Each structure stands twice: as C-alpha cells, then as structure tokens.
N, C-alpha and C. Protein backbone atom coordinates (compact mmCIF):
# COMPACT_ATOMS: atom_id res chain seq x y z
N UNK A 1 140.10 167.20 51.16
CA UNK A 1 138.77 167.27 52.26
C UNK A 1 138.29 166.91 50.82
N UNK A 2 138.61 167.11 49.55
CA UNK A 2 137.11 166.36 48.66
C UNK A 2 137.44 164.85 49.28
N UNK A 3 137.72 164.29 49.23
CA UNK A 3 137.40 162.70 48.89
C UNK A 3 136.65 162.58 50.24
N UNK A 4 136.80 163.41 51.62
CA UNK A 4 135.48 163.27 52.28
C UNK A 4 134.24 163.12 52.00
N UNK A 5 134.23 164.24 51.41
CA UNK A 5 133.30 164.83 50.81
C UNK A 5 132.24 164.04 50.03
N UNK A 6 132.68 163.40 48.98
CA UNK A 6 132.69 162.58 47.81
C UNK A 6 132.09 160.98 48.83
N UNK A 7 132.98 161.09 50.11
CA UNK A 7 132.60 160.06 50.32
C UNK A 7 130.92 159.99 51.29
N UNK A 8 130.93 161.19 51.76
CA UNK A 8 130.39 161.59 52.77
C UNK A 8 128.77 161.40 52.27
N UNK A 9 128.67 161.86 50.65
CA UNK A 9 127.72 161.73 49.79
C UNK A 9 127.26 160.59 50.01
N UNK A 10 128.24 159.60 49.33
CA UNK A 10 127.93 158.22 49.23
C UNK A 10 127.61 156.97 49.67
N UNK A 11 128.33 157.56 51.28
CA UNK A 11 128.88 156.30 52.43
C UNK A 11 128.91 155.01 51.40
N UNK A 12 129.35 155.01 50.46
CA UNK A 12 129.85 153.60 49.96
C UNK A 12 128.68 152.18 49.90
N UNK A 13 128.03 152.92 50.82
CA UNK A 13 126.66 151.74 51.14
C UNK A 13 125.80 151.83 49.66
N UNK A 14 125.72 153.43 49.37
CA UNK A 14 125.20 153.39 48.09
C UNK A 14 126.07 152.77 47.28
N UNK A 15 127.48 152.34 47.08
CA UNK A 15 127.87 152.48 46.11
C UNK A 15 128.21 151.07 44.97
N UNK A 16 128.09 151.14 44.13
CA UNK A 16 127.60 149.65 43.18
C UNK A 16 129.32 149.44 42.75
N UNK A 17 130.28 150.00 43.11
CA UNK A 17 131.67 150.20 42.77
C UNK A 17 132.10 148.79 44.36
N UNK A 18 133.87 148.09 43.39
CA UNK A 18 133.79 147.48 44.60
C UNK A 18 134.33 147.72 45.44
N UNK A 19 134.51 147.80 46.90
CA UNK A 19 135.23 148.93 48.18
C UNK A 19 136.51 148.14 48.48
N UNK A 20 137.91 148.05 48.21
CA UNK A 20 138.97 147.26 48.53
C UNK A 20 139.45 147.33 49.61
N UNK A 21 139.10 146.82 51.13
CA UNK A 21 139.33 146.88 52.03
C UNK A 21 141.35 146.35 52.26
N UNK A 22 141.36 147.05 53.39
CA UNK A 22 143.06 147.00 53.99
C UNK A 22 142.79 147.22 55.59
N UNK A 23 143.61 146.58 55.78
CA UNK A 23 144.10 146.77 57.97
C UNK A 23 143.40 148.37 57.85
N UNK A 24 143.67 149.79 57.70
CA UNK A 24 143.07 150.93 58.16
C UNK A 24 141.84 150.77 58.02
N UNK A 25 140.91 150.24 56.59
CA UNK A 25 139.63 149.87 56.66
C UNK A 25 138.88 149.08 56.86
N UNK A 26 139.20 147.87 57.95
CA UNK A 26 139.16 146.96 58.59
C UNK A 26 138.61 147.96 60.43
N UNK A 27 139.68 148.37 60.03
CA UNK A 27 139.69 148.94 61.81
C UNK A 27 139.09 150.67 61.76
N UNK A 28 138.58 151.28 60.53
CA UNK A 28 138.08 152.46 60.33
C UNK A 28 136.40 151.48 60.78
N UNK A 29 135.91 150.39 59.72
CA UNK A 29 134.63 149.71 59.50
C UNK A 29 134.59 148.57 61.58
N UNK A 30 135.34 148.73 61.65
CA UNK A 30 135.42 147.94 63.10
C UNK A 30 134.72 149.36 64.12
N UNK A 31 135.63 150.22 64.18
CA UNK A 31 135.54 151.10 64.78
C UNK A 31 133.43 151.96 64.84
N UNK A 32 133.68 151.89 63.51
CA UNK A 32 132.64 152.46 63.08
C UNK A 32 131.69 152.12 63.67
N UNK A 33 130.90 150.08 63.64
CA UNK A 33 130.19 149.61 63.68
C UNK A 33 130.16 149.74 65.70
N UNK A 34 131.93 149.65 66.32
CA UNK A 34 131.63 149.68 67.95
C UNK A 34 130.53 150.84 68.22
N UNK A 35 130.97 152.18 67.82
CA UNK A 35 130.13 152.77 67.56
C UNK A 35 129.56 153.51 67.35
N UNK A 36 128.57 152.86 66.52
CA UNK A 36 126.98 152.89 66.60
C UNK A 36 125.83 152.14 67.34
N UNK A 37 124.58 152.44 67.76
CA UNK A 37 124.41 152.12 69.21
C UNK A 37 122.49 151.64 67.47
N UNK A 38 122.10 150.80 68.18
CA UNK A 38 121.13 150.21 67.43
C UNK A 38 119.85 151.26 66.56
N UNK A 39 119.84 152.16 67.54
CA UNK A 39 119.27 153.65 67.33
C UNK A 39 120.34 153.70 65.86
N UNK A 40 121.14 153.81 65.53
CA UNK A 40 122.43 154.94 64.48
C UNK A 40 122.35 153.90 63.91
N UNK A 41 122.23 152.29 64.27
CA UNK A 41 122.04 152.11 62.23
C UNK A 41 120.41 151.95 61.81
N UNK A 42 119.78 151.85 62.66
CA UNK A 42 118.08 152.14 62.08
C UNK A 42 117.77 153.68 61.35
N UNK A 43 119.03 154.69 62.19
CA UNK A 43 118.54 155.81 61.43
C UNK A 43 119.56 155.52 59.91
N UNK A 44 120.70 155.21 59.82
CA UNK A 44 121.51 154.94 58.95
C UNK A 44 120.83 153.68 57.59
N UNK A 45 119.71 153.35 58.24
CA UNK A 45 119.02 152.30 57.28
C UNK A 45 117.74 153.48 56.72
N UNK A 46 117.21 154.02 57.65
CA UNK A 46 116.52 155.01 57.40
C UNK A 46 116.32 155.89 56.52
N UNK A 47 117.75 156.25 56.31
CA UNK A 47 118.12 157.20 55.29
C UNK A 47 118.98 157.28 53.73
N UNK A 48 119.20 155.08 54.03
CA UNK A 48 119.44 154.72 53.47
C UNK A 48 118.13 154.24 52.84
N UNK A 49 116.74 154.20 52.95
CA UNK A 49 115.54 154.43 52.31
C UNK A 49 115.08 155.30 51.71
N UNK A 50 115.73 156.28 52.70
CA UNK A 50 114.89 157.59 52.18
C UNK A 50 115.87 158.18 50.87
N UNK A 51 117.11 158.42 50.85
CA UNK A 51 117.94 158.30 49.63
C UNK A 51 117.59 157.50 48.51
N UNK A 52 117.14 156.17 48.85
CA UNK A 52 116.64 155.52 47.51
C UNK A 52 115.46 155.89 47.09
N UNK A 53 114.61 156.39 47.97
CA UNK A 53 113.64 156.38 46.86
C UNK A 53 112.92 157.66 46.52
N UNK A 54 114.09 158.40 46.20
CA UNK A 54 114.31 159.68 45.33
C UNK A 54 114.19 158.92 43.71
N UNK A 55 114.80 157.32 43.30
CA UNK A 55 115.15 156.77 41.64
C UNK A 55 114.18 157.20 41.44
N UNK A 56 114.01 157.63 40.38
CA UNK A 56 112.45 157.53 39.44
C UNK A 56 111.51 156.07 39.86
N UNK A 57 111.96 155.01 39.17
CA UNK A 57 111.12 153.71 39.23
C UNK A 57 110.73 153.98 40.65
N UNK A 58 111.08 154.13 41.85
CA UNK A 58 110.50 153.48 43.00
C UNK A 58 110.16 154.72 43.96
N UNK A 59 110.21 156.11 43.53
CA UNK A 59 109.70 157.76 44.74
C UNK A 59 108.15 157.29 44.54
N UNK A 60 107.67 156.58 42.95
CA UNK A 60 105.84 156.65 43.33
C UNK A 60 105.40 155.35 45.14
N UNK A 61 106.37 154.76 45.05
CA UNK A 61 106.49 154.22 45.86
C UNK A 61 106.71 154.33 47.69
N UNK A 62 106.86 155.25 47.68
CA UNK A 62 107.35 156.19 49.24
C UNK A 62 107.41 157.43 48.84
N UNK A 63 105.87 157.79 49.54
CA UNK A 63 105.96 159.89 49.73
C UNK A 63 106.94 160.04 50.52
N UNK A 64 107.85 160.54 50.36
CA UNK A 64 108.33 160.77 51.24
C UNK A 64 108.86 162.41 51.39
N UNK A 65 108.48 163.11 52.15
CA UNK A 65 108.24 164.93 51.85
C UNK A 65 109.67 165.32 52.06
N UNK A 66 110.12 166.61 51.59
CA UNK A 66 111.10 167.35 51.80
C UNK A 66 111.89 167.21 53.16
N UNK A 67 110.66 167.71 54.00
CA UNK A 67 110.86 167.53 54.98
C UNK A 67 111.50 166.72 55.80
N UNK A 68 111.45 165.49 56.03
CA UNK A 68 111.30 164.16 56.51
C UNK A 68 112.76 163.80 55.68
N UNK A 69 113.25 164.48 54.11
CA UNK A 69 114.23 163.38 54.37
C UNK A 69 115.20 164.95 54.52
N UNK A 70 115.15 165.85 54.71
CA UNK A 70 115.48 166.65 55.02
C UNK A 70 116.47 166.29 56.37
N UNK A 71 115.28 165.62 57.85
CA UNK A 71 115.82 165.72 58.44
C UNK A 71 116.56 164.51 58.94
N UNK A 72 115.99 163.94 57.74
CA UNK A 72 117.34 162.42 57.37
C UNK A 72 118.58 162.60 57.05
N UNK A 73 119.12 164.11 56.12
CA UNK A 73 120.23 164.08 55.66
C UNK A 73 120.59 164.50 57.32
N UNK A 74 119.83 165.46 57.77
CA UNK A 74 121.33 165.73 58.95
C UNK A 74 121.53 165.07 60.28
N UNK A 75 120.44 163.65 60.56
CA UNK A 75 120.78 162.87 60.96
C UNK A 75 121.52 162.24 61.18
N UNK A 76 121.92 162.05 59.91
CA UNK A 76 123.03 161.46 59.36
C UNK A 76 124.48 162.04 58.49
N UNK A 77 124.13 163.55 59.22
CA UNK A 77 125.37 164.02 59.11
C UNK A 77 125.86 164.50 60.25
N UNK A 78 124.95 164.48 61.69
CA UNK A 78 125.46 164.47 62.15
C UNK A 78 126.19 162.91 62.92
N UNK A 79 125.33 161.55 62.72
CA UNK A 79 126.32 160.51 62.81
C UNK A 79 127.52 160.88 62.57
N UNK A 80 127.53 160.68 60.99
CA UNK A 80 129.14 160.89 60.04
C UNK A 80 129.41 161.53 61.29
N UNK A 81 129.95 162.96 61.34
CA UNK A 81 130.77 164.34 61.79
C UNK A 81 130.92 163.42 63.32
N UNK A 82 130.41 163.29 64.13
CA UNK A 82 130.83 161.78 65.10
C UNK A 82 131.46 161.18 65.23
N UNK A 83 131.10 160.07 64.72
CA UNK A 83 131.65 159.38 63.66
C UNK A 83 133.15 159.47 63.90
N UNK A 84 133.43 160.27 63.02
CA UNK A 84 134.44 160.34 62.12
C UNK A 84 135.35 161.39 62.98
N UNK A 85 134.57 162.11 63.25
CA UNK A 85 135.58 163.65 64.07
C UNK A 85 136.15 163.49 65.89
N UNK A 86 135.27 161.93 66.43
CA UNK A 86 135.15 162.40 68.33
C UNK A 86 135.07 160.65 67.76
N UNK A 87 134.21 160.02 67.75
CA UNK A 87 134.73 158.52 68.36
C UNK A 87 135.64 158.12 67.11
N UNK A 88 135.86 157.55 66.10
CA UNK A 88 136.98 156.81 65.31
C UNK A 88 137.87 157.55 64.27
N UNK A 89 138.39 159.33 64.97
CA UNK A 89 139.74 160.11 64.39
C UNK A 89 140.72 159.66 64.23
N UNK A 90 141.25 158.71 64.83
CA UNK A 90 143.17 158.03 64.04
C UNK A 90 142.07 156.39 62.94
N UNK A 91 142.08 155.99 63.59
CA UNK A 91 140.95 155.03 62.34
C UNK A 91 140.93 156.29 61.16
N UNK A 92 140.01 157.24 60.80
CA UNK A 92 139.82 158.19 59.83
C UNK A 92 140.83 158.56 59.02
N UNK A 93 141.64 158.92 59.93
CA UNK A 93 143.03 160.14 59.39
C UNK A 93 143.53 158.38 58.37
N UNK A 94 143.91 157.38 59.37
CA UNK A 94 144.97 156.87 59.16
C UNK A 94 144.44 155.49 57.65
N UNK A 95 143.00 155.37 57.41
CA UNK A 95 142.00 155.47 56.31
C UNK A 95 142.17 155.93 55.24
N UNK A 96 141.69 157.61 55.61
CA UNK A 96 141.96 158.53 55.24
C UNK A 96 143.11 158.84 53.51
N UNK A 97 144.35 158.53 54.69
CA UNK A 97 145.89 158.41 54.49
C UNK A 97 145.77 157.52 53.11
N UNK A 98 145.09 156.11 52.90
CA UNK A 98 145.56 154.99 51.73
C UNK A 98 144.10 155.42 50.68
N UNK A 99 143.18 156.86 51.43
CA UNK A 99 142.68 157.20 49.80
C UNK A 99 140.68 156.69 50.09
N UNK A 100 140.27 157.03 48.91
CA UNK A 100 139.05 156.77 48.77
C UNK A 100 138.60 155.68 49.17
N UNK A 101 139.23 154.50 48.08
CA UNK A 101 138.26 153.14 48.39
C UNK A 101 138.71 152.77 49.73
N UNK A 102 139.53 153.43 51.12
CA UNK A 102 140.12 152.34 52.07
C UNK A 102 138.48 153.38 52.48
N UNK A 103 138.35 154.04 52.44
CA UNK A 103 137.45 154.52 53.44
C UNK A 103 135.90 154.07 52.85
N UNK A 104 135.32 154.03 51.50
CA UNK A 104 134.94 153.41 51.45
C UNK A 104 134.04 152.28 51.28
N UNK A 105 135.32 151.21 51.69
CA UNK A 105 134.95 150.24 52.43
C UNK A 105 134.67 150.06 54.03
N UNK A 106 135.30 151.27 54.82
CA UNK A 106 134.57 150.82 55.40
C UNK A 106 133.53 151.66 56.13
N UNK A 107 132.49 152.20 55.41
CA UNK A 107 131.06 152.76 55.84
C UNK A 107 130.28 151.48 54.39
N UNK A 108 130.63 150.26 53.76
CA UNK A 108 130.14 149.97 53.34
C UNK A 108 129.68 148.89 54.45
N UNK A 109 130.86 148.30 55.16
CA UNK A 109 130.68 147.63 56.22
C UNK A 109 129.74 147.95 57.44
N UNK A 110 130.09 149.26 57.74
CA UNK A 110 128.74 150.17 58.40
C UNK A 110 127.57 149.77 58.13
N UNK A 111 126.74 149.78 57.02
CA UNK A 111 126.33 149.55 56.17
C UNK A 111 125.89 148.07 56.38
N UNK A 112 126.54 147.46 56.35
CA UNK A 112 126.15 146.06 56.14
C UNK A 112 125.52 145.51 57.47
N UNK A 113 126.14 146.20 58.51
CA UNK A 113 125.11 146.18 59.93
C UNK A 113 124.14 146.47 59.56
N UNK A 114 124.30 147.79 60.25
CA UNK A 114 122.73 148.49 59.95
C UNK A 114 121.39 147.48 58.91
N UNK A 115 122.27 147.20 57.58
CA UNK A 115 120.89 146.38 57.05
C UNK A 115 120.83 145.19 57.60
N UNK A 116 121.59 144.13 57.98
CA UNK A 116 121.35 143.29 58.86
C UNK A 116 120.54 143.43 59.80
N UNK A 117 120.55 144.58 60.62
CA UNK A 117 119.93 145.23 61.86
C UNK A 117 118.69 145.09 61.61
N UNK A 118 118.35 146.21 60.33
CA UNK A 118 116.99 145.72 60.15
C UNK A 118 116.28 144.75 59.61
N UNK A 119 116.90 144.06 58.77
CA UNK A 119 116.59 142.46 58.26
C UNK A 119 116.50 141.52 59.53
N UNK A 120 116.07 142.17 60.46
CA UNK A 120 116.60 140.81 61.61
C UNK A 120 115.22 140.54 62.29
N UNK A 121 114.73 141.63 62.02
CA UNK A 121 112.91 142.41 62.75
C UNK A 121 112.00 141.13 61.91
N UNK A 122 111.05 140.45 62.50
CA UNK A 122 110.34 139.66 62.34
C UNK A 122 109.88 139.68 60.55
N UNK A 123 108.79 141.06 61.07
CA UNK A 123 107.76 141.27 59.38
C UNK A 123 108.95 142.07 58.72
N UNK A 124 110.12 142.14 59.05
CA UNK A 124 110.86 142.24 57.35
C UNK A 124 111.42 141.50 56.81
N UNK A 125 111.83 140.03 57.63
CA UNK A 125 112.72 139.29 57.47
C UNK A 125 111.54 138.38 55.96
N UNK A 126 109.65 138.89 57.07
CA UNK A 126 108.99 137.56 56.22
C UNK A 126 108.67 138.32 55.14
N UNK A 127 108.22 140.21 55.38
CA UNK A 127 108.47 140.13 54.15
C UNK A 127 109.43 140.11 52.43
N UNK A 128 110.96 140.00 52.64
CA UNK A 128 111.68 139.62 52.47
C UNK A 128 110.92 138.21 51.84
N UNK A 129 111.09 137.35 52.43
CA UNK A 129 111.77 135.89 51.26
C UNK A 129 109.73 135.99 50.79
N UNK A 130 108.55 136.66 51.44
CA UNK A 130 107.63 136.47 50.57
C UNK A 130 107.61 135.46 49.46
N UNK A 131 108.69 136.41 48.26
CA UNK A 131 109.06 136.38 47.15
C UNK A 131 108.67 134.88 46.75
N UNK A 132 109.19 134.20 47.87
CA UNK A 132 109.36 132.62 47.54
C UNK A 132 108.90 131.57 46.76
N UNK A 133 107.48 131.99 47.89
CA UNK A 133 106.22 131.11 47.15
C UNK A 133 105.71 131.86 45.27
N UNK A 134 106.31 132.27 44.84
CA UNK A 134 105.46 132.58 43.11
C UNK A 134 107.05 131.85 42.65
N UNK A 135 108.38 131.58 43.30
CA UNK A 135 109.65 130.86 42.69
C UNK A 135 109.21 129.88 41.65
N UNK A 136 109.40 129.23 40.89
CA UNK A 136 109.04 127.87 40.10
C UNK A 136 109.86 127.29 40.44
N UNK A 137 109.67 126.95 41.58
CA UNK A 137 110.14 125.58 42.03
C UNK A 137 110.95 124.33 40.90
N UNK A 138 110.23 124.29 40.34
CA UNK A 138 109.91 122.78 39.35
C UNK A 138 112.03 123.32 38.52
N UNK A 139 111.92 124.26 37.84
CA UNK A 139 112.82 124.95 36.94
C UNK A 139 113.62 125.03 37.60
N UNK A 140 114.44 125.73 39.05
CA UNK A 140 115.33 125.61 39.81
C UNK A 140 116.01 124.46 40.37
N UNK A 141 115.20 124.02 40.56
CA UNK A 141 115.95 122.06 40.35
C UNK A 141 115.83 121.58 39.62
N UNK A 142 115.58 121.73 38.52
CA UNK A 142 116.32 121.13 37.36
C UNK A 142 117.41 122.24 36.80
N UNK A 143 117.75 123.39 37.51
CA UNK A 143 119.23 123.64 37.31
C UNK A 143 119.87 123.57 38.26
N UNK A 144 119.17 122.96 39.07
CA UNK A 144 120.45 122.33 40.26
C UNK A 144 120.98 121.29 40.82
N UNK A 145 120.17 120.61 39.67
CA UNK A 145 120.20 119.09 38.88
C UNK A 145 118.77 118.29 40.04
N UNK A 146 118.56 118.43 41.03
CA UNK A 146 117.40 117.61 41.34
C UNK A 146 116.75 117.15 41.02
C-alpha cells in the first residue's frame, strides 16, 4: 500500500514525470472520469490550486488559510477514497498490479479532464489568452517563416 500512499500524495496531476499508459491505466482513468461529476472535477481543480499555492514563488499571489487548505485536502481525500474503493475497485486493483506508473497515468487523465472543465469557463479562457496581446508577433512570424 506504500505505492498507493505515494499516489494519493501526488495524484500524478502535479507530477512532472511521464506516466506510462496501459490498458489497465486507461480503464481506471476512464472509470475515474466516468464517476466524477462537474463538482468533483472542480473540487479536484481547487485542490490543485491550493496545492500549487504552497510554492514559495506563488504563495504571495494567493492567500489560503490553513482551514481552507485542510478542508480542501479532506474533500480530495473523500473523492479519491470513493473513486478507488467504491466506484472503480476492479480497475484500481488491475492498475495497482501493474505498479505506480499505471496508477499515475490514470490520475493524470482525470486531472486533465478537471483542468479542461475549469478552462472552458469563459472568464478563465479569456484570462488564459490575455498574454497574447503582449507576444511579439513579428518575431514569432519570423521563426515560423511567414
């Protein structure tokens, strides 16, 4: 179960390491996605945001108190527990037999869906694309050969 503890800490969503997909990890990833609601995915995105806000270079940009951090971690724990032990038990067992990379790939897939849902909000999409106004288009066009 040590591998599961490591998995639950990182969920691969925040992991910079490549996760290896396999039929078992794909099946678990699909099960995770199929068994999460829009609210679940927003809770996951909130947890990612809260977790990222702990970085020293980001901390000053988001004031998150410990009670919010604790509540977010509890929500995440409840979600992961439900998914692994109620909704996707067979898929979890199969992916766990393959080892950590397979489990990581499954959660990475869920994280991607959560982020896609969040970024589909018009305000978020507008904020994400706001940097384009500052791109030196001439330099980019030169590199692209236009």
